[in-house]
Amino acid sequence: MAERQTAARPYAEAAFRLAAERGELKAWSEMLGFAAAVAADAVMARLAFDPKIGRARLTELFLEVCGKRLNAEAGNFVRLLVENRRLTLLPEIVALYEELRAEAEKRLEATVVSAYPLEPAQMKAIEQALQHKFGRAIHLASQVDKSLLGGVVIRCQDLVIDGSATGRLRELASHLSH
């Protein structure tokens, strides 16, 4: 896994620099995300590893599937990935690109996991609390996990705030066993 990230980093940084120079950070997020979805398709993944398919043909097929969803520079980026046999790194490239974009936009990604869907006002309150704590804009995603029983678990960077009923029961059991 670490080797894949190491190999993906120069491509993510190059894509980020180009997107930043052109003021197209969001557009490149969308294009890279779409390209990663195409690369993850079972048929495309099989073609990427098929020794009978030449690099030029693989590039042609990939760009044909992507259609107008990629601009000329993104098409050249895909061409470079195929030529260097790095097409399968697209998920890692996307993740690293998004980290660079979030840093440039002074934005943090956070996730709140709850036993039941949260109300918009609850999401807003959590988002504001995290913004106050980190001094940055927060992009808050939500997930539902019924195994939590109640409460929430918030993850932002290396911080995990476990306010779930399951977490509290686990903490109580730990205290009782010591």
N, C-alpha and C. Protein backbone atom coordinates (compact mmCIF):
# COMPACT_ATOMS: atom_id res chain seq x y z
N MET A 1 0.82 -1.20 0.00
CA MET A 1 0.00 0.00 0.00
C MET A 1 0.86 1.26 0.00
N ALA A 2 1.88 1.29 0.84
CA ALA A 2 2.75 2.47 0.91
C ALA A 2 3.49 2.67 -0.41
N GLU A 3 3.88 1.55 -1.05
CA GLU A 3 4.58 1.67 -2.34
C GLU A 3 3.67 2.29 -3.39
N ARG A 4 2.38 1.92 -3.34
CA ARG A 4 1.42 2.46 -4.32
C ARG A 4 1.26 3.97 -4.11
N GLN A 5 1.19 4.39 -2.85
CA GLN A 5 1.07 5.82 -2.58
C GLN A 5 2.32 6.57 -3.00
N THR A 6 3.47 5.97 -2.75
CA THR A 6 4.73 6.59 -3.15
C THR A 6 4.79 6.75 -4.66
N ALA A 7 4.36 5.72 -5.38
CA ALA A 7 4.36 5.77 -6.84
C ALA A 7 3.31 6.76 -7.36
N ALA A 8 2.20 6.89 -6.65
CA ALA A 8 1.11 7.77 -7.10
C ALA A 8 1.38 9.25 -6.81
N ARG A 9 2.18 9.53 -5.80
CA ARG A 9 2.38 10.92 -5.35
C ARG A 9 2.84 11.88 -6.46
N PRO A 10 3.87 11.55 -7.27
CA PRO A 10 4.28 12.52 -8.30
C PRO A 10 3.18 12.81 -9.31
N TYR A 11 2.36 11.82 -9.62
CA TYR A 11 1.26 12.04 -10.56
C TYR A 11 0.19 12.93 -9.94
N ALA A 12 -0.13 12.69 -8.68
CA ALA A 12 -1.13 13.51 -7.99
C ALA A 12 -0.64 14.96 -7.89
N GLU A 13 0.64 15.13 -7.55
CA GLU A 13 1.19 16.48 -7.44
C GLU A 13 1.21 17.19 -8.78
N ALA A 14 1.54 16.47 -9.84
CA ALA A 14 1.55 17.08 -11.17
C ALA A 14 0.15 17.50 -11.59
N ALA A 15 -0.82 16.63 -11.36
CA ALA A 15 -2.21 16.96 -11.70
C ALA A 15 -2.67 18.16 -10.88
N PHE A 16 -2.30 18.18 -9.60
CA PHE A 16 -2.70 19.28 -8.73
C PHE A 16 -2.09 20.60 -9.21
N ARG A 17 -0.80 20.58 -9.52
CA ARG A 17 -0.14 21.82 -9.98
C ARG A 17 -0.81 22.35 -11.24
N LEU A 18 -1.08 21.47 -12.18
CA LEU A 18 -1.73 21.89 -13.43
C LEU A 18 -3.12 22.46 -13.15
N ALA A 19 -3.88 21.76 -12.32
CA ALA A 19 -5.24 22.22 -12.00
C ALA A 19 -5.20 23.56 -11.27
N ALA A 20 -4.26 23.73 -10.36
CA ALA A 20 -4.15 24.98 -9.61
C ALA A 20 -3.76 26.13 -10.52
N GLU A 21 -2.82 25.89 -11.43
CA GLU A 21 -2.40 26.93 -12.37
C GLU A 21 -3.57 27.41 -13.23
N ARG A 22 -4.44 26.48 -13.59
CA ARG A 22 -5.56 26.79 -14.47
C ARG A 22 -6.82 27.19 -13.70
N GLY A 23 -6.77 27.11 -12.36
CA GLY A 23 -7.95 27.43 -11.55
C GLY A 23 -9.05 26.40 -11.75
N GLU A 24 -8.66 25.15 -11.93
CA GLU A 24 -9.62 24.09 -12.22
C GLU A 24 -9.57 22.95 -11.20
N LEU A 25 -9.40 23.28 -9.93
CA LEU A 25 -9.27 22.25 -8.91
C LEU A 25 -10.50 21.35 -8.84
N LYS A 26 -11.68 21.95 -8.85
CA LYS A 26 -12.91 21.15 -8.76
C LYS A 26 -13.10 20.31 -10.01
N ALA A 27 -12.87 20.89 -11.17
CA ALA A 27 -13.03 20.16 -12.43
C ALA A 27 -12.10 18.96 -12.48
N TRP A 28 -10.86 19.14 -12.03
CA TRP A 28 -9.92 18.02 -12.02
C TRP A 28 -10.33 16.96 -11.01
N SER A 29 -10.91 17.35 -9.90
CA SER A 29 -11.43 16.36 -8.95
C SER A 29 -12.45 15.48 -9.63
N GLU A 30 -13.34 16.11 -10.35
CA GLU A 30 -14.39 15.36 -11.04
C GLU A 30 -13.81 14.47 -12.13
N MET A 31 -12.88 15.01 -12.93
CA MET A 31 -12.30 14.22 -14.01
C MET A 31 -11.50 13.04 -13.48
N LEU A 32 -10.67 13.29 -12.46
CA LEU A 32 -9.88 12.19 -11.89
C LEU A 32 -10.77 11.15 -11.24
N GLY A 33 -11.81 11.60 -10.56
CA GLY A 33 -12.75 10.66 -9.93
C GLY A 33 -13.43 9.79 -10.96
N PHE A 34 -13.84 10.40 -12.07
CA PHE A 34 -14.49 9.64 -13.14
C PHE A 34 -13.50 8.65 -13.76
N ALA A 35 -12.29 9.11 -14.02
CA ALA A 35 -11.27 8.23 -14.61
C ALA A 35 -10.97 7.06 -13.68
N ALA A 36 -10.93 7.31 -12.38
CA ALA A 36 -10.68 6.23 -11.41
C ALA A 36 -11.82 5.22 -11.42
N ALA A 37 -13.05 5.71 -11.57
CA ALA A 37 -14.20 4.80 -11.64
C ALA A 37 -14.12 3.94 -12.90
N VAL A 38 -13.72 4.54 -14.01
CA VAL A 38 -13.57 3.78 -15.25
C VAL A 38 -12.46 2.74 -15.09
N ALA A 39 -11.35 3.14 -14.50
CA ALA A 39 -10.22 2.21 -14.31
C ALA A 39 -10.59 1.07 -13.37
N ALA A 40 -11.50 1.32 -12.43
CA ALA A 40 -11.90 0.30 -11.46
C ALA A 40 -12.92 -0.69 -12.04
N ASP A 41 -13.50 -0.34 -13.18
CA ASP A 41 -14.46 -1.24 -13.82
C ASP A 41 -13.78 -2.58 -14.11
N ALA A 42 -14.48 -3.68 -13.85
CA ALA A 42 -13.90 -5.02 -13.99
C ALA A 42 -13.35 -5.27 -15.39
N VAL A 43 -14.09 -4.86 -16.41
CA VAL A 43 -13.64 -5.08 -17.80
C VAL A 43 -12.39 -4.26 -18.08
N MET A 44 -12.39 -2.99 -17.68
CA MET A 44 -11.23 -2.13 -17.93
C MET A 44 -10.02 -2.62 -17.15
N ALA A 45 -10.22 -3.07 -15.93
CA ALA A 45 -9.11 -3.58 -15.12
C ALA A 45 -8.51 -4.81 -15.79
N ARG A 46 -9.36 -5.66 -16.35
CA ARG A 46 -8.85 -6.85 -17.05
C ARG A 46 -8.05 -6.44 -18.27
N LEU A 47 -8.54 -5.45 -19.01
CA LEU A 47 -7.82 -4.96 -20.20
C LEU A 47 -6.47 -4.36 -19.83
N ALA A 48 -6.43 -3.67 -18.70
CA ALA A 48 -5.18 -3.02 -18.27
C ALA A 48 -4.07 -4.04 -18.01
N PHE A 49 -4.46 -5.25 -17.63
CA PHE A 49 -3.46 -6.29 -17.33
C PHE A 49 -3.30 -7.30 -18.47
N ASP A 50 -4.03 -7.11 -19.55
CA ASP A 50 -3.97 -8.05 -20.68
C ASP A 50 -2.74 -7.74 -21.53
N PRO A 51 -1.78 -8.66 -21.60
CA PRO A 51 -0.55 -8.40 -22.37
C PRO A 51 -0.81 -8.30 -23.88
N LYS A 52 -1.98 -8.79 -24.35
CA LYS A 52 -2.31 -8.72 -25.78
C LYS A 52 -2.78 -7.33 -26.19
N ILE A 53 -3.18 -6.53 -25.21
CA ILE A 53 -3.66 -5.17 -25.49
C ILE A 53 -2.47 -4.22 -25.38
N GLY A 54 -2.12 -3.58 -26.46
CA GLY A 54 -1.02 -2.62 -26.44
C GLY A 54 -1.39 -1.36 -25.68
N ARG A 55 -0.39 -0.60 -25.31
CA ARG A 55 -0.65 0.64 -24.55
C ARG A 55 -1.46 1.64 -25.35
N ALA A 56 -1.16 1.76 -26.64
CA ALA A 56 -1.89 2.72 -27.48
C ALA A 56 -3.37 2.32 -27.56
N ARG A 57 -3.63 1.03 -27.71
CA ARG A 57 -5.03 0.55 -27.80
C ARG A 57 -5.73 0.74 -26.45
N LEU A 58 -5.05 0.47 -25.35
CA LEU A 58 -5.64 0.66 -24.03
C LEU A 58 -5.99 2.13 -23.81
N THR A 59 -5.09 3.00 -24.20
CA THR A 59 -5.35 4.44 -24.07
C THR A 59 -6.58 4.82 -24.90
N GLU A 60 -6.61 4.34 -26.11
CA GLU A 60 -7.73 4.64 -27.03
C GLU A 60 -9.06 4.17 -26.42
N LEU A 61 -9.07 2.94 -25.92
CA LEU A 61 -10.30 2.39 -25.32
C LEU A 61 -10.71 3.18 -24.08
N PHE A 62 -9.73 3.49 -23.24
CA PHE A 62 -10.02 4.21 -22.00
C PHE A 62 -10.61 5.59 -22.31
N LEU A 63 -9.97 6.31 -23.22
CA LEU A 63 -10.45 7.65 -23.55
C LEU A 63 -11.80 7.61 -24.26
N GLU A 64 -12.03 6.55 -25.01
CA GLU A 64 -13.32 6.38 -25.68
C GLU A 64 -14.43 6.20 -24.64
N VAL A 65 -14.16 5.40 -23.62
CA VAL A 65 -15.14 5.19 -22.55
C VAL A 65 -15.39 6.50 -21.79
N CYS A 66 -14.34 7.25 -21.56
CA CYS A 66 -14.47 8.52 -20.82
C CYS A 66 -15.21 9.58 -21.62
N GLY A 67 -15.10 9.50 -22.93
CA GLY A 67 -15.80 10.45 -23.78
C GLY A 67 -15.42 11.89 -23.48
N LYS A 68 -16.41 12.74 -23.39
CA LYS A 68 -16.20 14.18 -23.16
C LYS A 68 -16.04 14.52 -21.68
N ARG A 69 -15.98 13.51 -20.82
CA ARG A 69 -15.85 13.77 -19.38
C ARG A 69 -14.45 14.23 -18.99
N LEU A 70 -13.47 14.03 -19.89
CA LEU A 70 -12.10 14.47 -19.64
C LEU A 70 -11.74 15.54 -20.65
N ASN A 71 -11.05 16.60 -20.19
CA ASN A 71 -10.57 17.60 -21.13
C ASN A 71 -9.26 17.10 -21.76
N ALA A 72 -8.66 17.90 -22.62
CA ALA A 72 -7.46 17.47 -23.35
C ALA A 72 -6.30 17.16 -22.40
N GLU A 73 -6.10 18.01 -21.38
CA GLU A 73 -5.00 17.77 -20.44
C GLU A 73 -5.22 16.49 -19.64
N ALA A 74 -6.46 16.25 -19.21
CA ALA A 74 -6.76 15.02 -18.46
C ALA A 74 -6.57 13.80 -19.36
N GLY A 75 -6.92 13.93 -20.63
CA GLY A 75 -6.67 12.85 -21.58
C GLY A 75 -5.19 12.56 -21.71
N ASN A 76 -4.38 13.62 -21.77
CA ASN A 76 -2.92 13.44 -21.82
C ASN A 76 -2.40 12.81 -20.53
N PHE A 77 -3.01 13.18 -19.42
CA PHE A 77 -2.62 12.61 -18.13
C PHE A 77 -2.88 11.10 -18.13
N VAL A 78 -4.04 10.70 -18.62
CA VAL A 78 -4.36 9.27 -18.72
C VAL A 78 -3.38 8.58 -19.66
N ARG A 79 -3.07 9.22 -20.77
CA ARG A 79 -2.11 8.66 -21.73
C ARG A 79 -0.76 8.39 -21.05
N LEU A 80 -0.32 9.34 -20.25
CA LEU A 80 0.93 9.20 -19.51
C LEU A 80 0.86 8.04 -18.52
N LEU A 81 -0.26 7.92 -17.82
CA LEU A 81 -0.43 6.81 -16.86
C LEU A 81 -0.37 5.46 -17.58
N VAL A 82 -1.01 5.36 -18.72
CA VAL A 82 -1.00 4.10 -19.46
C VAL A 82 0.41 3.80 -19.97
N GLU A 83 1.07 4.80 -20.53
CA GLU A 83 2.43 4.60 -21.05
C GLU A 83 3.39 4.13 -19.97
N ASN A 84 3.20 4.63 -18.75
CA ASN A 84 4.08 4.26 -17.63
C ASN A 84 3.53 3.10 -16.80
N ARG A 85 2.48 2.47 -17.31
CA ARG A 85 1.84 1.34 -16.62
C ARG A 85 1.43 1.71 -15.19
N ARG A 86 0.79 2.86 -15.07
CA ARG A 86 0.36 3.36 -13.76
C ARG A 86 -1.15 3.60 -13.68
N LEU A 87 -1.89 3.12 -14.65
CA LEU A 87 -3.33 3.34 -14.68
C LEU A 87 -4.02 2.81 -13.42
N THR A 88 -3.53 1.70 -12.91
CA THR A 88 -4.15 1.11 -11.72
C THR A 88 -3.91 1.94 -10.45
N LEU A 89 -3.06 2.94 -10.54
CA LEU A 89 -2.81 3.81 -9.38
C LEU A 89 -3.84 4.94 -9.26
N LEU A 90 -4.79 5.01 -10.18
CA LEU A 90 -5.74 6.12 -10.16
C LEU A 90 -6.46 6.30 -8.82
N PRO A 91 -6.89 5.26 -8.12
CA PRO A 91 -7.53 5.51 -6.81
C PRO A 91 -6.60 6.23 -5.83
N GLU A 92 -5.35 5.84 -5.79
CA GLU A 92 -4.38 6.50 -4.90
C GLU A 92 -4.09 7.92 -5.37
N ILE A 93 -4.01 8.10 -6.68
CA ILE A 93 -3.77 9.44 -7.24
C ILE A 93 -4.92 10.36 -6.84
N VAL A 94 -6.15 9.88 -6.96
CA VAL A 94 -7.32 10.68 -6.60
C VAL A 94 -7.28 11.04 -5.11
N ALA A 95 -6.98 10.08 -4.26
CA ALA A 95 -6.95 10.34 -2.81
C ALA A 95 -5.89 11.39 -2.47
N LEU A 96 -4.71 11.26 -3.05
CA LEU A 96 -3.63 12.23 -2.79
C LEU A 96 -3.97 13.59 -3.37
N TYR A 97 -4.57 13.62 -4.56
CA TYR A 97 -4.99 14.88 -5.17
C TYR A 97 -5.99 15.58 -4.25
N GLU A 98 -6.95 14.83 -3.72
CA GLU A 98 -7.97 15.43 -2.86
C GLU A 98 -7.37 15.97 -1.57
N GLU A 99 -6.34 15.31 -1.05
CA GLU A 99 -5.64 15.83 0.13
C GLU A 99 -4.98 17.17 -0.20
N LEU A 100 -4.32 17.24 -1.34
CA LEU A 100 -3.66 18.48 -1.76
C LEU A 100 -4.69 19.58 -1.97
N ARG A 101 -5.81 19.24 -2.57
CA ARG A 101 -6.87 20.23 -2.82
C ARG A 101 -7.44 20.74 -1.50
N ALA A 102 -7.71 19.83 -0.57
CA ALA A 102 -8.26 20.24 0.73
C ALA A 102 -7.28 21.17 1.45
N GLU A 103 -5.99 20.84 1.38
CA GLU A 103 -4.97 21.69 2.01
C GLU A 103 -4.94 23.08 1.37
N ALA A 104 -4.99 23.12 0.05
CA ALA A 104 -4.96 24.41 -0.65
C ALA A 104 -6.20 25.25 -0.36
N GLU A 105 -7.33 24.59 -0.21
CA GLU A 105 -8.58 25.30 0.06
C GLU A 105 -8.80 25.51 1.56
N LYS A 106 -7.79 25.12 2.35
CA LYS A 106 -7.87 25.25 3.81
C LYS A 106 -9.17 24.61 4.33
N ARG A 107 -9.38 23.37 3.87
CA ARG A 107 -10.59 22.63 4.20
C ARG A 107 -10.20 21.27 4.75
N LEU A 108 -10.95 20.81 5.71
CA LEU A 108 -10.72 19.48 6.27
C LEU A 108 -11.91 18.59 5.97
N GLU A 109 -11.62 17.33 5.77
CA GLU A 109 -12.67 16.33 5.58
C GLU A 109 -12.96 15.71 6.94
N ALA A 110 -14.22 15.58 7.27
CA ALA A 110 -14.62 14.94 8.52
C ALA A 110 -15.81 14.03 8.24
N THR A 111 -15.94 13.03 9.07
CA THR A 111 -17.06 12.09 8.94
C THR A 111 -17.72 11.94 10.29
N VAL A 112 -19.03 11.97 10.31
CA VAL A 112 -19.78 11.71 11.52
C VAL A 112 -20.59 10.44 11.27
N VAL A 113 -20.41 9.49 12.18
CA VAL A 113 -21.11 8.21 12.08
C VAL A 113 -22.13 8.16 13.21
N SER A 114 -23.37 7.87 12.88
CA SER A 114 -24.42 7.83 13.90
C SER A 114 -25.29 6.60 13.70
N ALA A 115 -26.03 6.25 14.74
CA ALA A 115 -26.91 5.08 14.67
C ALA A 115 -28.11 5.37 13.75
N TYR A 116 -28.49 6.63 13.67
CA TYR A 116 -29.63 7.04 12.85
C TYR A 116 -29.26 8.30 12.08
N PRO A 117 -29.93 8.57 10.97
CA PRO A 117 -29.61 9.80 10.22
C PRO A 117 -29.76 11.05 11.09
N LEU A 118 -28.80 11.96 10.96
CA LEU A 118 -28.83 13.20 11.74
C LEU A 118 -29.65 14.26 11.02
N GLU A 119 -30.25 15.12 11.81
CA GLU A 119 -31.00 16.25 11.28
C GLU A 119 -30.01 17.28 10.72
N PRO A 120 -30.41 18.09 9.75
CA PRO A 120 -29.51 19.12 9.22
C PRO A 120 -28.97 20.06 10.30
N ALA A 121 -29.79 20.39 11.29
CA ALA A 121 -29.33 21.28 12.36
C ALA A 121 -28.24 20.61 13.19
N GLN A 122 -28.36 19.32 13.41
CA GLN A 122 -27.32 18.59 14.16
C GLN A 122 -26.02 18.56 13.36
N MET A 123 -26.12 18.30 12.07
CA MET A 123 -24.94 18.29 11.20
C MET A 123 -24.27 19.66 11.22
N LYS A 124 -25.06 20.71 11.13
CA LYS A 124 -24.53 22.08 11.13
C LYS A 124 -23.81 22.38 12.44
N ALA A 125 -24.38 21.95 13.56
CA ALA A 125 -23.76 22.20 14.87
C ALA A 125 -22.41 21.47 14.97
N ILE A 126 -22.35 20.24 14.50
CA ILE A 126 -21.09 19.49 14.52
C ILE A 126 -20.07 20.16 13.61
N GLU A 127 -20.51 20.56 12.43
CA GLU A 127 -19.61 21.24 11.48
C GLU A 127 -19.05 22.52 12.08
N GLN A 128 -19.89 23.32 12.72
CA GLN A 128 -19.44 24.57 13.33
C GLN A 128 -18.47 24.32 14.47
N ALA A 129 -18.73 23.29 15.27
CA ALA A 129 -17.82 22.96 16.38
C ALA A 129 -16.45 22.55 15.85
N LEU A 130 -16.43 21.76 14.79
CA LEU A 130 -15.16 21.34 14.19
C LEU A 130 -14.43 22.53 13.55
N GLN A 131 -15.18 23.42 12.92
CA GLN A 131 -14.57 24.62 12.34
C GLN A 131 -13.93 25.46 13.43
N HIS A 132 -14.59 25.58 14.55
CA HIS A 132 -14.05 26.34 15.67
C HIS A 132 -12.79 25.68 16.22
N LYS A 133 -12.81 24.36 16.34
CA LYS A 133 -11.67 23.63 16.89
C LYS A 133 -10.45 23.71 15.98
N PHE A 134 -10.66 23.54 14.67
CA PHE A 134 -9.54 23.47 13.73
C PHE A 134 -9.24 24.80 13.02
N GLY A 135 -10.16 25.74 13.09
CA GLY A 135 -9.95 27.03 12.43
C GLY A 135 -9.92 26.92 10.90
N ARG A 136 -10.62 25.95 10.37
CA ARG A 136 -10.66 25.73 8.92
C ARG A 136 -12.06 25.33 8.51
N ALA A 137 -12.33 25.50 7.23
CA ALA A 137 -13.62 25.04 6.69
C ALA A 137 -13.66 23.52 6.79
N ILE A 138 -14.83 22.98 7.03
CA ILE A 138 -15.01 21.55 7.21
C ILE A 138 -15.99 21.04 6.16
N HIS A 139 -15.61 19.95 5.51
CA HIS A 139 -16.55 19.23 4.65
C HIS A 139 -16.97 18.00 5.44
N LEU A 140 -18.22 17.98 5.86
CA LEU A 140 -18.71 16.94 6.76
C LEU A 140 -19.57 15.93 6.01
N ALA A 141 -19.16 14.69 6.06
CA ALA A 141 -19.93 13.60 5.47
C ALA A 141 -20.57 12.81 6.60
N SER A 142 -21.70 12.18 6.32
CA SER A 142 -22.35 11.41 7.37
C SER A 142 -22.54 9.96 6.92
N GLN A 143 -22.49 9.08 7.89
CA GLN A 143 -22.73 7.66 7.66
C GLN A 143 -23.63 7.15 8.77
N VAL A 144 -24.40 6.12 8.46
CA VAL A 144 -25.26 5.49 9.46
C VAL A 144 -24.71 4.10 9.76
N ASP A 145 -24.55 3.82 11.05
CA ASP A 145 -24.09 2.51 11.51
C ASP A 145 -24.95 2.12 12.71
N LYS A 146 -25.94 1.27 12.47
CA LYS A 146 -26.90 0.91 13.52
C LYS A 146 -26.25 0.19 14.69
N SER A 147 -25.04 -0.36 14.50
CA SER A 147 -24.36 -1.06 15.59
C SER A 147 -23.91 -0.10 16.70
N LEU A 148 -23.94 1.20 16.46
CA LEU A 148 -23.53 2.16 17.48
C LEU A 148 -24.56 2.29 18.61
N LEU A 149 -25.79 1.85 18.38
CA LEU A 149 -26.90 1.93 19.33
C LEU A 149 -27.40 3.36 19.51
N GLY A 150 -26.51 4.31 19.70
CA GLY A 150 -26.89 5.71 19.89
C GLY A 150 -25.63 6.56 19.91
N GLY A 151 -25.80 7.88 19.90
CA GLY A 151 -24.67 8.78 19.91
C GLY A 151 -23.99 8.87 18.55
N VAL A 152 -22.77 9.44 18.53
CA VAL A 152 -22.03 9.63 17.28
C VAL A 152 -20.55 9.36 17.48
N VAL A 153 -19.89 9.05 16.37
CA VAL A 153 -18.44 8.97 16.32
C VAL A 153 -18.02 9.97 15.25
N ILE A 154 -17.12 10.87 15.59
CA ILE A 154 -16.65 11.90 14.65
C ILE A 154 -15.18 11.64 14.36
N ARG A 155 -14.84 11.62 13.07
CA ARG A 155 -13.45 11.43 12.65
C ARG A 155 -13.05 12.63 11.79
N CYS A 156 -11.94 13.25 12.21
CA CYS A 156 -11.40 14.38 11.46
C CYS A 156 -9.89 14.35 11.63
N GLN A 157 -9.17 14.17 10.53
CA GLN A 157 -7.73 13.97 10.56
C GLN A 157 -7.41 12.78 11.46
N ASP A 158 -6.54 12.98 12.44
CA ASP A 158 -6.17 11.91 13.36
C ASP A 158 -7.06 11.88 14.60
N LEU A 159 -8.00 12.79 14.67
CA LEU A 159 -8.87 12.91 15.84
C LEU A 159 -10.10 12.01 15.68
N VAL A 160 -10.38 11.23 16.71
CA VAL A 160 -11.60 10.43 16.76
C VAL A 160 -12.30 10.76 18.06
N ILE A 161 -13.52 11.24 17.96
CA ILE A 161 -14.33 11.55 19.14
C ILE A 161 -15.43 10.50 19.18
N ASP A 162 -15.35 9.61 20.15
CA ASP A 162 -16.33 8.52 20.24
C ASP A 162 -17.35 8.86 21.32
N GLY A 163 -18.46 9.38 20.89
CA GLY A 163 -19.56 9.69 21.80
C GLY A 163 -20.70 8.71 21.61
N SER A 164 -20.38 7.52 21.11
CA SER A 164 -21.43 6.51 20.85
C SER A 164 -21.74 5.73 22.12
N ALA A 165 -22.93 5.16 22.15
CA ALA A 165 -23.31 4.31 23.28
C ALA A 165 -22.40 3.08 23.33
N THR A 166 -22.07 2.54 22.17
CA THR A 166 -21.18 1.38 22.10
C THR A 166 -19.81 1.73 22.68
N GLY A 167 -19.29 2.91 22.33
CA GLY A 167 -18.00 3.35 22.86
C GLY A 167 -18.03 3.53 24.36
N ARG A 168 -19.12 4.09 24.86
CA ARG A 168 -19.24 4.29 26.31
C ARG A 168 -19.33 2.96 27.05
N LEU A 169 -20.05 2.00 26.48
CA LEU A 169 -20.14 0.67 27.10
C LEU A 169 -18.77 -0.01 27.11
N ARG A 170 -18.03 0.14 26.03
CA ARG A 170 -16.68 -0.44 25.94
C ARG A 170 -15.78 0.20 27.00
N GLU A 171 -15.88 1.51 27.16
CA GLU A 171 -15.08 2.22 28.17
C GLU A 171 -15.44 1.77 29.57
N LEU A 172 -16.72 1.60 29.83
CA LEU A 172 -17.18 1.14 31.14
C LEU A 172 -16.66 -0.27 31.41
N ALA A 173 -16.73 -1.15 30.44
CA ALA A 173 -16.23 -2.52 30.60
C ALA A 173 -14.74 -2.52 30.89
N SER A 174 -14.00 -1.62 30.24
CA SER A 174 -12.56 -1.52 30.46
C SER A 174 -12.27 -1.08 31.90
N HIS A 175 -13.03 -0.10 32.39
CA HIS A 175 -12.83 0.38 33.76
C HIS A 175 -13.17 -0.70 34.78
N LEU A 176 -14.22 -1.45 34.51
CA LEU A 176 -14.64 -2.50 35.44
C LEU A 176 -13.66 -3.66 35.47
N SER A 177 -12.99 -3.92 34.35
CA SER A 177 -12.06 -5.05 34.30
C SER A 177 -10.71 -4.70 34.92
N HIS A 178 -10.46 -3.44 35.20
CA HIS A 178 -9.16 -3.05 35.80
C HIS A 178 -9.34 -2.81 37.23
